[in-house]
């Protein structure tokens, strides 16, 4: 990717955004996103394989505040026309001063020590993730943005 945010040669950008009310507390949603086994279970129709490669920062004790971890994951879309995509990214969770949470994903530098060759269609995550706000009624308002570069199909 160039400094201007233009995709690297042979890649194209894909972006999506959605807002939804989820019947769960913000910390429950953060826990689901940060615990890979839970994430796989909840998003099983989109994430078919995932593992934590490295914990860069465990965050505060008994909390997900400031946790940073490197994840390898395989994503599928509900269409036979888009091949499975594999990505390696840092996932970071942070609680804002107002109590809202952000969970951000961004692809890792391929020169890092935990890098392993990707076998599927490469997916580079530009800064993506969600903002989770407490609705004070047991629900959360989640704003989700995905911003990826994927290899162009030939």
Protein backbone atom coordinates (compact mmCIF):
# COMPACT_ATOMS: atom_id res chain seq x y z
CA UNK A 1 0.00 0.00 0.00
CA UNK A 2 1.34 3.41 -0.82
CA UNK A 3 1.53 6.28 1.64
CA UNK A 4 -1.57 7.86 0.13
CA UNK A 5 -3.74 4.87 0.95
CA UNK A 6 -3.92 3.61 -2.62
CA UNK A 7 -3.80 -0.20 -2.84
CA UNK A 8 -0.53 -1.83 -3.81
CA UNK A 9 -0.23 -3.05 -7.42
CA UNK A 10 -2.38 -6.15 -8.08
CA UNK A 11 -4.67 -5.29 -5.14
CA UNK A 12 -8.08 -3.65 -4.96
CA UNK A 13 -9.77 -1.99 -2.01
CA UNK A 14 -13.02 -3.18 -0.46
CA UNK A 15 -14.80 -1.21 2.24
CA UNK A 16 -17.98 -1.75 4.21
CA UNK A 17 -19.69 -0.08 7.15
CA UNK A 18 -22.68 -1.02 9.27
CA UNK A 19 -24.35 0.02 12.51
CA UNK A 20 -26.42 -2.35 14.63
CA UNK A 21 -27.83 -2.70 18.12
CA UNK A 22 -26.61 -5.93 19.74
CA UNK A 23 -28.24 -7.47 22.83
CA UNK A 24 -25.01 -7.76 24.80
CA UNK A 25 -22.93 -5.53 27.02
CA UNK A 26 -19.87 -3.83 25.51
CA UNK A 27 -17.46 -5.97 27.57
CA UNK A 28 -19.18 -9.16 26.36
CA UNK A 29 -18.69 -8.06 22.75
CA UNK A 30 -15.05 -7.11 23.39
CA UNK A 31 -14.44 -10.47 25.06
CA UNK A 32 -15.97 -12.28 22.08
CA UNK A 33 -13.69 -10.42 19.67
CA UNK A 34 -10.52 -10.83 21.74
CA UNK A 35 -10.96 -14.52 22.67
CA UNK A 36 -10.29 -16.33 19.39
CA UNK A 37 -12.29 -19.46 20.28
CA UNK A 38 -15.37 -17.36 21.06
CA UNK A 39 -14.84 -15.26 17.92
CA UNK A 40 -14.68 -18.43 15.79
CA UNK A 41 -17.86 -19.78 17.39
CA UNK A 42 -19.92 -16.59 17.00
CA UNK A 43 -18.67 -15.74 13.49
CA UNK A 44 -18.46 -19.35 12.23
CA UNK A 45 -20.17 -18.48 8.94
CA UNK A 46 -17.42 -15.95 8.10
CA UNK A 47 -14.30 -17.04 10.03
CA UNK A 48 -13.34 -20.67 9.38
CA UNK A 49 -9.96 -20.78 11.09
CA UNK A 50 -8.18 -18.47 13.52
CA UNK A 51 -5.37 -18.57 16.01
CA UNK A 52 -3.38 -16.17 18.15
CA UNK A 53 0.21 -16.06 16.89
CA UNK A 54 1.58 -13.72 19.54
CA UNK A 55 0.37 -11.60 22.43
CA UNK A 56 2.12 -8.23 22.07
CA UNK A 57 0.55 -6.79 25.21
CA UNK A 58 -1.76 -8.69 27.58
CA UNK A 59 -3.47 -5.48 28.66
CA UNK A 60 -4.63 -4.72 32.15
CA UNK A 61 -5.06 -7.70 34.46
CA UNK A 62 -8.53 -9.30 34.24
CA UNK A 63 -9.55 -6.81 31.58
CA UNK A 64 -9.24 -6.35 27.84
CA UNK A 65 -8.04 -2.75 28.14
CA UNK A 66 -4.99 -2.15 25.94
CA UNK A 67 -4.66 -5.78 24.83
CA UNK A 68 -2.72 -6.28 21.58
CA UNK A 69 -2.41 -9.64 19.88
CA UNK A 70 -1.44 -10.96 16.47
CA UNK A 71 -4.07 -13.16 14.87
CA UNK A 72 -4.00 -15.35 11.78
CA UNK A 73 -7.47 -15.98 10.34
CA UNK A 74 -9.20 -17.38 7.30
CA UNK A 75 -12.33 -15.60 6.10
CA UNK A 76 -15.01 -16.85 3.72
CA UNK A 77 -17.92 -15.05 2.10
CA UNK A 78 -21.29 -16.64 1.37
CA UNK A 79 -20.60 -16.87 -2.35
CA UNK A 80 -18.71 -19.36 -4.51
CA UNK A 81 -17.25 -16.49 -6.54
CA UNK A 82 -14.93 -15.17 -3.82
CA UNK A 83 -12.16 -17.51 -2.65
CA UNK A 84 -11.27 -17.89 1.03
CA UNK A 85 -9.01 -15.11 2.28
CA UNK A 86 -6.25 -15.40 4.83
CA UNK A 87 -4.92 -12.47 6.85
CA UNK A 88 -2.48 -11.83 9.67
CA UNK A 89 -3.25 -8.77 11.75
CA UNK A 90 -2.85 -7.08 15.08
CA UNK A 91 -6.09 -6.79 17.05
CA UNK A 92 -6.11 -4.04 19.69
CA UNK A 93 -8.80 -3.31 22.27
CA UNK A 94 -9.11 0.00 24.08
CA UNK A 95 -11.68 1.49 26.43
CA UNK A 96 -12.33 5.19 25.84
CA UNK A 97 -12.77 7.71 28.67
CA UNK A 98 -16.53 7.80 28.02
CA UNK A 99 -16.73 4.02 28.61
CA UNK A 100 -17.11 3.07 24.96
CA UNK A 101 -14.75 0.49 23.47
CA UNK A 102 -12.84 0.26 20.22
CA UNK A 103 -11.45 -2.94 18.74
CA UNK A 104 -9.13 -2.30 15.80
CA UNK A 105 -7.50 -4.68 13.31
CA UNK A 106 -4.58 -3.80 11.04
CA UNK A 107 -2.35 -6.11 8.98
CA UNK A 108 1.11 -6.78 10.30
CA UNK A 109 4.38 -6.07 8.58
CA UNK A 110 5.33 -9.18 6.60
CA UNK A 111 8.87 -9.00 7.96
CA UNK A 112 7.78 -9.72 11.54
CA UNK A 113 9.13 -12.90 13.15
CA UNK A 114 5.71 -14.57 13.43
CA UNK A 115 4.97 -14.16 9.75
CA UNK A 116 4.26 -17.41 7.98
CA UNK A 117 3.47 -17.83 4.29
CA UNK A 118 -0.18 -17.35 3.47
CA UNK A 119 -1.68 -20.14 1.38
CA UNK A 120 -4.97 -18.56 0.29
CA UNK A 121 -5.95 -15.31 -1.35
CA UNK A 122 -4.18 -12.60 0.61
CA UNK A 123 -6.27 -10.04 2.45
CA UNK A 124 -4.55 -6.99 3.90
CA UNK A 125 -6.55 -5.32 6.62
CA UNK A 126 -6.24 -1.58 6.63
CA UNK A 127 -7.33 -0.04 9.92
CA UNK A 128 -10.70 -1.72 10.48
CA UNK A 129 -12.81 -2.58 13.46
CA UNK A 130 -15.65 -1.43 15.63
CA UNK A 131 -16.81 1.19 18.09
CA UNK A 132 -18.99 -0.27 20.85
CA UNK A 133 -21.23 2.04 22.90
CA UNK A 134 -23.30 1.03 25.93
CA UNK A 135 -27.02 1.74 25.42
CA UNK A 136 -27.71 1.50 29.21
CA UNK A 137 -30.40 -1.16 28.63
CA UNK A 138 -28.28 -4.29 28.32
CA UNK A 139 -27.60 -3.62 24.65
CA UNK A 140 -24.74 -2.03 22.73
CA UNK A 141 -24.64 0.14 19.64
CA UNK A 142 -21.91 -1.24 17.38
CA UNK A 143 -20.46 0.66 14.43
CA UNK A 144 -18.32 -1.67 12.31
CA UNK A 145 -15.98 -0.64 9.50
CA UNK A 146 -14.05 -3.10 7.32
CA UNK A 147 -11.35 -1.72 5.07
CA UNK A 148 -9.27 -4.31 3.20
CA UNK A 149 -7.07 -4.70 0.17
CA UNK A 150 -7.44 -8.00 -1.68
CA UNK A 151 -5.53 -9.51 -4.57
CA UNK A 152 -7.18 -8.75 -7.90
CA UNK A 153 -8.62 -11.77 -9.64
CA UNK A 154 -7.12 -12.59 -12.98
